[in-house]
């Protein structure tokens, strides 16, 4: 997940307009372009906007990391599924090797088990 997507997600969860979300930190127009991925946001502006809405910077980045882990999990599942139906054991073995370098959480363990079942 990109920072812009995280900001947009939080803004929608809070039920705020782009103008309210950006406060006096950025113009609505500039903030809108950040959410669309046209502009980048400065770290200092991001921190101020998060503080404006009582959001801890660490919580914001933890949320983004969690989203990234979920999309990585979905990515592996898609490759695993496709490799299984194509009977591509080399691709399945590559996933097993890639998973050795991932954080060993519940999702990774489930992927490893799925790999075993596909062989």
Protein backbone atom coordinates (compact mmCIF):
# COMPACT_ATOMS: atom_id res chain seq x y z
CA UNK A 1 0.00 0.00 0.00
CA UNK A 2 1.25 3.45 -0.85
CA UNK A 3 1.09 6.38 1.55
CA UNK A 4 -1.54 8.05 -0.63
CA UNK A 5 -3.77 4.96 -0.43
CA UNK A 6 -3.30 4.81 3.34
CA UNK A 7 -4.29 8.46 3.72
CA UNK A 8 -7.36 7.95 1.57
CA UNK A 9 -8.38 4.85 3.52
CA UNK A 10 -8.05 6.65 6.86
CA UNK A 11 -9.87 9.72 5.54
CA UNK A 12 -12.81 7.57 4.44
CA UNK A 13 -12.83 5.68 7.76
CA UNK A 14 -13.02 9.01 9.57
CA UNK A 15 -15.76 10.24 7.21
CA UNK A 16 -13.82 13.35 6.25
CA UNK A 17 -13.68 15.34 3.06
CA UNK A 18 -10.29 15.90 1.47
CA UNK A 19 -10.45 19.51 2.64
CA UNK A 20 -11.06 18.50 6.28
CA UNK A 21 -8.39 15.81 6.11
CA UNK A 22 -5.72 18.20 4.84
CA UNK A 23 -6.71 20.93 7.31
CA UNK A 24 -4.52 23.99 7.07
CA UNK A 25 -1.50 21.88 6.11
CA UNK A 26 -2.16 21.56 2.38
CA UNK A 27 -4.69 22.95 -0.07
CA UNK A 28 -7.56 20.65 -0.99
CA UNK A 29 -6.31 20.62 -4.57
CA UNK A 30 -2.80 19.57 -3.62
CA UNK A 31 -4.06 16.95 -1.17
CA UNK A 32 -6.39 15.56 -3.84
CA UNK A 33 -3.44 15.11 -6.18
CA UNK A 34 -1.55 13.27 -3.45
CA UNK A 35 -4.42 10.79 -3.01
CA UNK A 36 -4.51 10.26 -6.78
CA UNK A 37 -0.78 9.56 -6.80
CA UNK A 38 0.07 12.60 -8.91
CA UNK A 39 2.11 14.31 -6.17
CA UNK A 40 4.18 13.06 -3.25
CA UNK A 41 3.65 14.25 0.31
CA UNK A 42 6.51 15.55 2.45
CA UNK A 43 7.14 13.52 5.60
CA UNK A 44 6.66 16.58 7.81
CA UNK A 45 3.26 17.30 6.18
CA UNK A 46 2.20 13.68 6.60
CA UNK A 47 3.06 13.74 10.30
CA UNK A 48 1.16 17.00 10.85
CA UNK A 49 -1.93 15.69 9.05
CA UNK A 50 -1.87 12.47 11.07
CA UNK A 51 -1.47 14.38 14.35
CA UNK A 52 -4.32 16.69 13.32
CA UNK A 53 -6.60 13.64 13.45
CA UNK A 54 -5.00 11.99 16.51
CA UNK A 55 -3.42 9.21 14.45
CA UNK A 56 -0.04 7.98 15.64
CA UNK A 57 2.55 7.82 12.90
CA UNK A 58 3.57 4.35 14.06
CA UNK A 59 -0.04 3.12 13.80
CA UNK A 60 -0.34 4.54 10.29
CA UNK A 61 2.77 2.71 9.10
CA UNK A 62 1.78 -0.48 10.93
CA UNK A 63 -1.53 -0.41 9.08
CA UNK A 64 0.31 0.02 5.80
CA UNK A 65 2.69 -2.83 6.58
CA UNK A 66 -0.23 -5.11 7.44
CA UNK A 67 -1.89 -4.26 4.11
CA UNK A 68 1.36 -4.97 2.27
CA UNK A 69 1.66 -8.35 3.96
CA UNK A 70 -1.91 -9.21 2.98
CA UNK A 71 -1.31 -8.32 -0.66
CA UNK A 72 1.92 -10.34 -0.66
CA UNK A 73 -0.08 -13.31 0.69
CA UNK A 74 -2.66 -12.88 -2.08
CA UNK A 75 0.16 -12.70 -4.62
CA UNK A 76 1.63 -16.02 -3.44
CA UNK A 77 -1.80 -17.68 -3.41
CA UNK A 78 -2.45 -16.59 -7.00
CA UNK A 79 0.92 -17.91 -8.19
CA UNK A 80 0.46 -21.13 -6.25
CA UNK A 81 -3.00 -21.69 -7.72
CA UNK A 82 -1.81 -21.04 -11.26
CA UNK A 83 1.27 -23.26 -10.80
CA UNK A 84 -0.87 -26.08 -9.44
CA UNK A 85 -3.27 -26.05 -12.39
CA UNK A 86 -0.38 -25.93 -14.85
CA UNK A 87 1.39 -28.69 -12.94
CA UNK A 88 4.45 -26.43 -12.69
CA UNK A 89 6.47 -27.99 -9.87
CA UNK A 90 9.40 -25.66 -10.48
CA UNK A 91 7.23 -22.60 -9.75
CA UNK A 92 5.83 -24.29 -6.64
CA UNK A 93 9.37 -25.01 -5.40
CA UNK A 94 10.32 -21.37 -6.06
CA UNK A 95 7.46 -20.26 -3.80
CA UNK A 96 8.72 -22.61 -1.09
CA UNK A 97 12.20 -21.07 -1.37
CA UNK A 98 10.80 -17.51 -1.36
CA UNK A 99 8.76 -18.24 1.76
CA UNK A 100 11.91 -19.16 3.68
CA UNK A 101 12.85 -15.47 3.56
CA UNK A 102 9.45 -14.17 4.66
CA UNK A 103 8.33 -13.40 8.20
CA UNK A 104 7.16 -16.70 9.66
CA UNK A 105 3.62 -15.76 10.62
CA UNK A 106 0.34 -17.64 10.32
CA UNK A 107 -0.18 -16.73 6.67
CA UNK A 108 3.30 -17.91 5.71
CA UNK A 109 2.74 -21.20 7.50
CA UNK A 110 -0.57 -21.64 5.65
CA UNK A 111 1.19 -20.99 2.35
CA UNK A 112 3.84 -23.58 3.17
CA UNK A 113 1.14 -26.11 3.94
CA UNK A 114 -0.65 -25.29 0.70
CA UNK A 115 2.62 -25.82 -1.16
CA UNK A 116 3.01 -29.25 0.39
CA UNK A 117 -0.49 -30.21 -0.69
CA UNK A 118 0.20 -29.10 -4.27
CA UNK A 119 3.24 -31.35 -4.68
